[in-house]
Amino acid sequence: MRPEVVLSEVTREDVARIADWLDDAEVSEMWFGRYTYDEPAHLGYEPRKMIDASPEEWDEVFTDPHHEPHRSIMAVRTVSGEHIGEVQLAIDEALGDAQLSILIGRKELWHRGYGTATVIASLDHVFRKIGLFRAWVDVPEYNASARDMFEHLGFIHEGTLRQSRPHDGARHNSVILGMLANEYARLSETINQGTHSV
């Protein structure tokens, strides 16, 4: 049975946890990778710097909706409230789409359904709460389990970015996978009816 997750506001304790998780090379490679100077990449903000950010700096990152594309950042929690990851949505309201970036930072929870549950919660947020038309992901080819998960949920391969990801001293392709609002409506219906094995 698929676990349930809750998307919620990010706290300073969450940010400190993210920073610690990203010190693990395996975790950072499954997130945004590493910069050429070998620091773990993290879009939208630098976790270590945000721990002690001023209230104004914090609000600019986590609550200011006025810059485009707007980056919405949410913590992923279990139903008992335990912080296990982060979701980022790069929202382009003019195009009606959002790029999803999902991290489950607790490695012992990988391959146990939490990623799938987080994708479904994120899609629900994108299509039902915000009312966008399209959601998409950019998955490096070396993360085969993530690609399998997205395709199993019904994401469609839309293109390939050639050698876009540095990894282990080489360049690797990544794939763009997308889902439209009407496709999510069908997925949601099959999940609710219990006919989709997620």
C-alpha atoms as a PDB file:
ATOM      1  CA  MET A   1       0.000   0.000   0.000  1.00  0.00           C
ATOM      2  CA  ARG A   2       1.300   3.434  -0.977  1.00  0.00           C
ATOM      3  CA  PRO A   3       2.303   5.664   1.970  1.00  0.00           C
ATOM      4  CA  GLU A   4       0.711   9.087   2.304  1.00  0.00           C
ATOM      5  CA  VAL A   5       2.586  12.368   2.451  1.00  0.00           C
ATOM      6  CA  VAL A   6       1.668  15.951   3.231  1.00  0.00           C
ATOM      7  CA  LEU A   7       3.123  19.049   1.535  1.00  0.00           C
ATOM      8  CA  SER A   8       3.609  21.943   3.951  1.00  0.00           C
ATOM      9  CA  GLU A   9       5.552  25.122   4.650  1.00  0.00           C
ATOM     10  CA  VAL A  10       9.318  24.853   5.025  1.00  0.00           C
ATOM     11  CA  THR A  11      10.838  25.550   8.458  1.00  0.00           C
ATOM     12  CA  ARG A  12      14.406  26.486   9.384  1.00  0.00           C
ATOM     13  CA  GLU A  13      14.819  23.010  10.886  1.00  0.00           C
ATOM     14  CA  ASP A  14      13.803  21.549   7.517  1.00  0.00           C
ATOM     15  CA  VAL A  15      16.416  23.666   5.727  1.00  0.00           C
ATOM     16  CA  ALA A  16      19.138  22.492   8.131  1.00  0.00           C
ATOM     17  CA  ARG A  17      18.093  18.897   7.436  1.00  0.00           C
ATOM     18  CA  ILE A  18      18.194  19.502   3.662  1.00  0.00           C
ATOM     19  CA  ALA A  19      21.739  20.870   3.998  1.00  0.00           C
ATOM     20  CA  ASP A  20      22.815  17.758   5.900  1.00  0.00           C
ATOM     21  CA  TRP A  21      21.148  15.419   3.395  1.00  0.00           C
ATOM     22  CA  LEU A  22      22.898  17.136   0.490  1.00  0.00           C
ATOM     23  CA  ASP A  23      26.289  16.475   2.090  1.00  0.00           C
ATOM     24  CA  ASP A  24      25.668  12.876   0.987  1.00  0.00           C
ATOM     25  CA  ALA A  25      26.846  12.668  -2.651  1.00  0.00           C
ATOM     26  CA  GLU A  26      24.267   9.996  -3.488  1.00  0.00           C
ATOM     27  CA  VAL A  27      21.432  12.235  -2.284  1.00  0.00           C
ATOM     28  CA  SER A  28      22.715  15.363  -4.046  1.00  0.00           C
ATOM     29  CA  GLU A  29      23.135  13.465  -7.331  1.00  0.00           C
ATOM     30  CA  MET A  30      19.449  12.494  -7.210  1.00  0.00           C
ATOM     31  CA  TRP A  31      18.475  16.142  -6.583  1.00  0.00           C
ATOM     32  CA  PHE A  32      20.134  18.877  -8.671  1.00  0.00           C
ATOM     33  CA  GLY A  33      23.599  17.274  -8.824  1.00  0.00           C
ATOM     34  CA  ARG A  34      26.779  19.115  -7.950  1.00  0.00           C
ATOM     35  CA  TYR A  35      28.274  22.355  -9.213  1.00  0.00           C
ATOM     36  CA  THR A  36      31.532  22.219 -11.161  1.00  0.00           C
ATOM     37  CA  TYR A  37      33.329  23.313  -7.960  1.00  0.00           C
ATOM     38  CA  ASP A  38      31.864  20.171  -6.286  1.00  0.00           C
ATOM     39  CA  GLU A  39      29.367  21.815  -3.915  1.00  0.00           C
ATOM     40  CA  PRO A  40      25.899  20.207  -3.953  1.00  0.00           C
ATOM     41  CA  ALA A  41      23.542  22.194  -6.166  1.00  0.00           C
ATOM     42  CA  HIS A  42      20.287  23.486  -4.775  1.00  0.00           C
ATOM     43  CA  LEU A  43      18.058  25.788  -6.819  1.00  0.00           C
ATOM     44  CA  GLY A  44      16.033  28.596  -5.274  1.00  0.00           C
ATOM     45  CA  TYR A  45      18.187  29.036  -2.171  1.00  0.00           C
ATOM     46  CA  GLU A  46      21.364  27.882  -0.458  1.00  0.00           C
ATOM     47  CA  PRO A  47      20.308  25.724   2.512  1.00  0.00           C
ATOM     48  CA  ARG A  48      23.253  26.521   4.809  1.00  0.00           C
ATOM     49  CA  LYS A  49      22.824  30.272   4.264  1.00  0.00           C
ATOM     50  CA  MET A  50      19.057  30.166   4.797  1.00  0.00           C
ATOM     51  CA  ILE A  51      19.340  28.626   8.276  1.00  0.00           C
ATOM     52  CA  ASP A  52      20.240  32.049   9.688  1.00  0.00           C
ATOM     53  CA  ALA A  53      18.501  34.204   7.071  1.00  0.00           C
ATOM     54  CA  SER A  54      16.683  37.353   8.145  1.00  0.00           C
ATOM     55  CA  PRO A  55      12.862  37.274   8.111  1.00  0.00           C
ATOM     56  CA  GLU A  56      12.954  39.409   4.937  1.00  0.00           C
ATOM     57  CA  GLU A  57      15.388  37.045   3.180  1.00  0.00           C
ATOM     58  CA  TRP A  58      13.288  34.072   4.284  1.00  0.00           C
ATOM     59  CA  ASP A  59      10.065  35.595   2.966  1.00  0.00           C
ATOM     60  CA  GLU A  60      11.692  36.449  -0.362  1.00  0.00           C
ATOM     61  CA  VAL A  61      12.573  32.783  -0.937  1.00  0.00           C
ATOM     62  CA  PHE A  62       9.575  31.006   0.549  1.00  0.00           C
ATOM     63  CA  THR A  63       6.590  33.349   0.332  1.00  0.00           C
ATOM     64  CA  ASP A  64       7.179  35.981  -2.388  1.00  0.00           C
ATOM     65  CA  PRO A  65       5.053  35.046  -5.430  1.00  0.00           C
ATOM     66  CA  HIS A  66       5.975  38.078  -7.542  1.00  0.00           C
ATOM     67  CA  HIS A  67       8.984  36.933  -9.526  1.00  0.00           C
ATOM     68  CA  GLU A  68       8.517  34.856 -12.701  1.00  0.00           C
ATOM     69  CA  PRO A  69       8.881  32.003 -13.015  1.00  0.00           C
ATOM     70  CA  HIS A  70       7.687  31.661  -9.432  1.00  0.00           C
ATOM     71  CA  ARG A  71       9.416  28.924  -7.427  1.00  0.00           C
ATOM     72  CA  SER A  72       7.096  27.349  -4.885  1.00  0.00           C
ATOM     73  CA  ILE A  73       9.018  25.343  -2.278  1.00  0.00           C
ATOM     74  CA  MET A  74       7.305  22.912   0.097  1.00  0.00           C
ATOM     75  CA  ALA A  75       8.432  20.408   2.690  1.00  0.00           C
ATOM     76  CA  VAL A  76       7.408  16.756   2.325  1.00  0.00           C
ATOM     77  CA  ARG A  77       6.203  15.166   5.560  1.00  0.00           C
ATOM     78  CA  THR A  78       4.765  11.838   6.570  1.00  0.00           C
ATOM     79  CA  VAL A  79       1.212  11.939   7.943  1.00  0.00           C
ATOM     80  CA  SER A  80       2.782  11.843  11.422  1.00  0.00           C
ATOM     81  CA  GLY A  81       4.652  15.089  10.621  1.00  0.00           C
ATOM     82  CA  GLU A  82       8.152  13.721  10.040  1.00  0.00           C
ATOM     83  CA  HIS A  83      10.135  15.769   7.501  1.00  0.00           C
ATOM     84  CA  ILE A  84      11.431  13.484   4.719  1.00  0.00           C
ATOM     85  CA  GLY A  85      12.024  15.698   1.684  1.00  0.00           C
ATOM     86  CA  GLU A  86      11.333  18.745  -0.425  1.00  0.00           C
ATOM     87  CA  VAL A  87       9.279  19.660  -3.486  1.00  0.00           C
ATOM     88  CA  GLN A  88      10.031  22.603  -5.741  1.00  0.00           C
ATOM     89  CA  LEU A  89       7.673  23.834  -8.431  1.00  0.00           C
ATOM     90  CA  ALA A  90       9.048  26.278 -10.999  1.00  0.00           C
ATOM     91  CA  ILE A  91       5.740  27.786 -12.084  1.00  0.00           C
ATOM     92  CA  ASP A  92       5.314  29.706 -15.316  1.00  0.00           C
ATOM     93  CA  GLU A  93       1.779  31.048 -15.081  1.00  0.00           C
ATOM     94  CA  ALA A  94       1.930  32.589 -18.579  1.00  0.00           C
ATOM     95  CA  LEU A  95       2.495  29.129 -20.055  1.00  0.00           C
ATOM     96  CA  GLY A  96       0.315  27.382 -17.484  1.00  0.00           C
ATOM     97  CA  ASP A  97       2.969  24.882 -16.525  1.00  0.00           C
ATOM     98  CA  ALA A  98       5.231  23.846 -13.678  1.00  0.00           C
ATOM     99  CA  GLN A  99       8.487  21.948 -13.538  1.00  0.00           C
ATOM    100  CA  LEU A 100       8.511  19.501 -10.615  1.00  0.00           C
ATOM    101  CA  SER A 101      11.666  18.754  -8.633  1.00  0.00           C
ATOM    102  CA  ILE A 102      11.281  16.186  -5.868  1.00  0.00           C
ATOM    103  CA  LEU A 103      13.750  15.028  -3.247  1.00  0.00           C
ATOM    104  CA  ILE A 104      13.261  12.317  -0.658  1.00  0.00           C
ATOM    105  CA  GLY A 105      16.270  13.078   1.533  1.00  0.00           C
ATOM    106  CA  ARG A 106      15.959  10.060   3.822  1.00  0.00           C
ATOM    107  CA  LYS A 107      17.719   7.319   1.845  1.00  0.00           C
ATOM    108  CA  GLU A 108      16.219   4.529   3.940  1.00  0.00           C
ATOM    109  CA  LEU A 109      12.823   5.579   2.534  1.00  0.00           C
ATOM    110  CA  TRP A 110      13.902   5.327  -1.116  1.00  0.00           C
ATOM    111  CA  HIS A 111      12.029   2.725  -3.209  1.00  0.00           C
ATOM    112  CA  ARG A 112       9.266   2.472  -0.596  1.00  0.00           C
ATOM    113  CA  GLY A 113       6.591   4.536  -2.332  1.00  0.00           C
ATOM    114  CA  TYR A 114       7.325   7.947  -0.818  1.00  0.00           C
ATOM    115  CA  GLY A 115       8.573   9.383  -4.109  1.00  0.00           C
ATOM    116  CA  THR A 116       5.430   8.221  -5.896  1.00  0.00           C
ATOM    117  CA  ALA A 117       3.222   9.597  -3.125  1.00  0.00           C
ATOM    118  CA  THR A 118       5.060  12.931  -3.337  1.00  0.00           C
ATOM    119  CA  VAL A 119       4.643  13.113  -7.120  1.00  0.00           C
ATOM    120  CA  ILE A 120       0.901  12.474  -6.777  1.00  0.00           C
ATOM    121  CA  ALA A 121       0.561  15.127  -4.043  1.00  0.00           C
ATOM    122  CA  SER A 122       2.553  17.573  -6.198  1.00  0.00           C
ATOM    123  CA  LEU A 123       0.392  16.898  -9.253  1.00  0.00           C
ATOM    124  CA  ASP A 124      -2.717  17.422  -7.166  1.00  0.00           C
ATOM    125  CA  HIS A 125      -1.286  20.789  -6.075  1.00  0.00           C
ATOM    126  CA  VAL A 126      -0.374  21.775  -9.655  1.00  0.00           C
ATOM    127  CA  PHE A 127      -3.623  20.771 -11.335  1.00  0.00           C
ATOM    128  CA  ARG A 128      -6.287  21.095  -8.642  1.00  0.00           C
ATOM    129  CA  LYS A 129      -5.012  23.850  -6.370  1.00  0.00           C
ATOM    130  CA  ILE A 130      -3.210  26.103  -8.877  1.00  0.00           C
ATOM    131  CA  GLY A 131      -5.162  25.062 -11.980  1.00  0.00           C
ATOM    132  CA  LEU A 132      -2.227  24.729 -14.380  1.00  0.00           C
ATOM    133  CA  PHE A 133      -2.297  22.900 -17.721  1.00  0.00           C
ATOM    134  CA  ARG A 134       0.977  20.943 -17.720  1.00  0.00           C
ATOM    135  CA  ALA A 135       3.527  19.500 -15.315  1.00  0.00           C
ATOM    136  CA  TRP A 136       6.956  18.305 -16.371  1.00  0.00           C
ATOM    137  CA  VAL A 137      10.191  16.877 -15.020  1.00  0.00           C
ATOM    138  CA  ASP A 138      13.804  16.786 -16.191  1.00  0.00           C
ATOM    139  CA  VAL A 139      15.283  13.404 -15.247  1.00  0.00           C
ATOM    140  CA  PRO A 140      18.955  12.484 -15.790  1.00  0.00           C
ATOM    141  CA  GLU A 141      19.389   9.211 -17.661  1.00  0.00           C
ATOM    142  CA  TYR A 142      21.428   7.715 -14.795  1.00  0.00           C
ATOM    143  CA  ASN A 143      18.366   7.972 -12.508  1.00  0.00           C
ATOM    144  CA  ALA A 144      16.527   5.091 -14.171  1.00  0.00           C
ATOM    145  CA  SER A 145      14.297   4.407 -11.151  1.00  0.00           C
ATOM    146  CA  ALA A 146      12.957   7.982 -11.236  1.00  0.00           C
ATOM    147  CA  ARG A 147      12.208   7.737 -14.961  1.00  0.00           C
ATOM    148  CA  ASP A 148      10.443   4.408 -14.416  1.00  0.00           C
ATOM    149  CA  MET A 149       8.353   5.949 -11.614  1.00  0.00           C
ATOM    150  CA  PHE A 150       7.255   8.947 -13.697  1.00  0.00           C
ATOM    151  CA  GLU A 151       6.458   6.805 -16.736  1.00  0.00           C
ATOM    152  CA  HIS A 152       4.503   4.345 -14.585  1.00  0.00           C
ATOM    153  CA  LEU A 153       2.372   7.279 -13.398  1.00  0.00           C
ATOM    154  CA  GLY A 154       1.672   8.261 -17.005  1.00  0.00           C
ATOM    155  CA  PHE A 155       4.246  10.947 -17.772  1.00  0.00           C
ATOM    156  CA  ILE A 156       5.072  11.038 -21.493  1.00  0.00           C
ATOM    157  CA  HIS A 157       8.564  11.397 -22.955  1.00  0.00           C
ATOM    158  CA  GLU A 158       8.641  14.806 -24.643  1.00  0.00           C
ATOM    159  CA  GLY A 159      12.303  15.227 -25.489  1.00  0.00           C
ATOM    160  CA  THR A 160      15.935  14.608 -24.630  1.00  0.00           C
ATOM    161  CA  LEU A 161      18.486  17.174 -23.484  1.00  0.00           C
ATOM    162  CA  ARG A 162      21.797  15.955 -24.818  1.00  0.00           C
ATOM    163  CA  GLN A 163      24.679  15.706 -22.349  1.00  0.00           C
ATOM    164  CA  SER A 164      22.980  18.206 -20.039  1.00  0.00           C
ATOM    165  CA  ARG A 165      24.056  16.598 -16.750  1.00  0.00           C
ATOM    166  CA  PRO A 166      27.617  16.251 -15.438  1.00  0.00           C
ATOM    167  CA  HIS A 167      27.949  13.057 -13.393  1.00  0.00           C
ATOM    168  CA  ASP A 168      30.979  11.006 -12.320  1.00  0.00           C
ATOM    169  CA  GLY A 169      33.331  12.909 -14.610  1.00  0.00           C
ATOM    170  CA  ALA A 170      31.193  12.519 -17.744  1.00  0.00           C
ATOM    171  CA  ARG A 171      28.231  14.216 -19.428  1.00  0.00           C
ATOM    172  CA  HIS A 172      24.859  12.469 -19.547  1.00  0.00           C
ATOM    173  CA  ASN A 173      21.578  13.035 -21.331  1.00  0.00           C
ATOM    174  CA  SER A 174      18.417  13.884 -19.449  1.00  0.00           C
ATOM    175  CA  VAL A 175      14.834  13.349 -20.508  1.00  0.00           C
ATOM    176  CA  ILE A 176      11.873  15.696 -20.339  1.00  0.00           C
ATOM    177  CA  LEU A 177       8.696  13.902 -19.264  1.00  0.00           C
ATOM    178  CA  GLY A 178       5.362  15.696 -19.116  1.00  0.00           C
ATOM    179  CA  MET A 179       1.775  15.267 -18.001  1.00  0.00           C
ATOM    180  CA  LEU A 180      -1.261  17.341 -19.029  1.00  0.00           C
ATOM    181  CA  ALA A 181      -4.232  18.235 -16.856  1.00  0.00           C
ATOM    182  CA  ASN A 182      -6.590  15.831 -18.651  1.00  0.00           C
ATOM    183  CA  GLU A 183      -4.045  13.022 -18.271  1.00  0.00           C
ATOM    184  CA  TYR A 184      -3.812  13.737 -14.558  1.00  0.00           C
ATOM    185  CA  ALA A 185      -7.610  13.654 -14.294  1.00  0.00           C
ATOM    186  CA  ARG A 186      -7.553  10.101 -15.716  1.00  0.00           C
ATOM    187  CA  LEU A 187      -4.704   9.087 -13.395  1.00  0.00           C
ATOM    188  CA  SER A 188      -6.518  10.543 -10.382  1.00  0.00           C
ATOM    189  CA  GLU A 189      -9.687   8.678 -11.289  1.00  0.00           C
ATOM    190  CA  THR A 190      -7.891   5.331 -11.558  1.00  0.00           C
ATOM    191  CA  ILE A 191      -6.088   5.951  -8.236  1.00  0.00           C
ATOM    192  CA  ASN A 192      -9.381   6.798  -6.509  1.00  0.00           C
ATOM    193  CA  GLN A 193     -11.000   3.672  -7.980  1.00  0.00           C
ATOM    194  CA  GLY A 194      -8.047   1.573  -6.876  1.00  0.00           C
ATOM    195  CA  THR A 195      -7.333   0.408 -10.445  1.00  0.00           C
ATOM    196  CA  HIS A 196      -3.892   2.021 -10.746  1.00  0.00           C
ATOM    197  CA  SER A 197      -1.078   0.118  -9.052  1.00  0.00           C
ATOM    198  CA  VAL A 198       1.018   2.867  -7.465  1.00  0.00           C
END
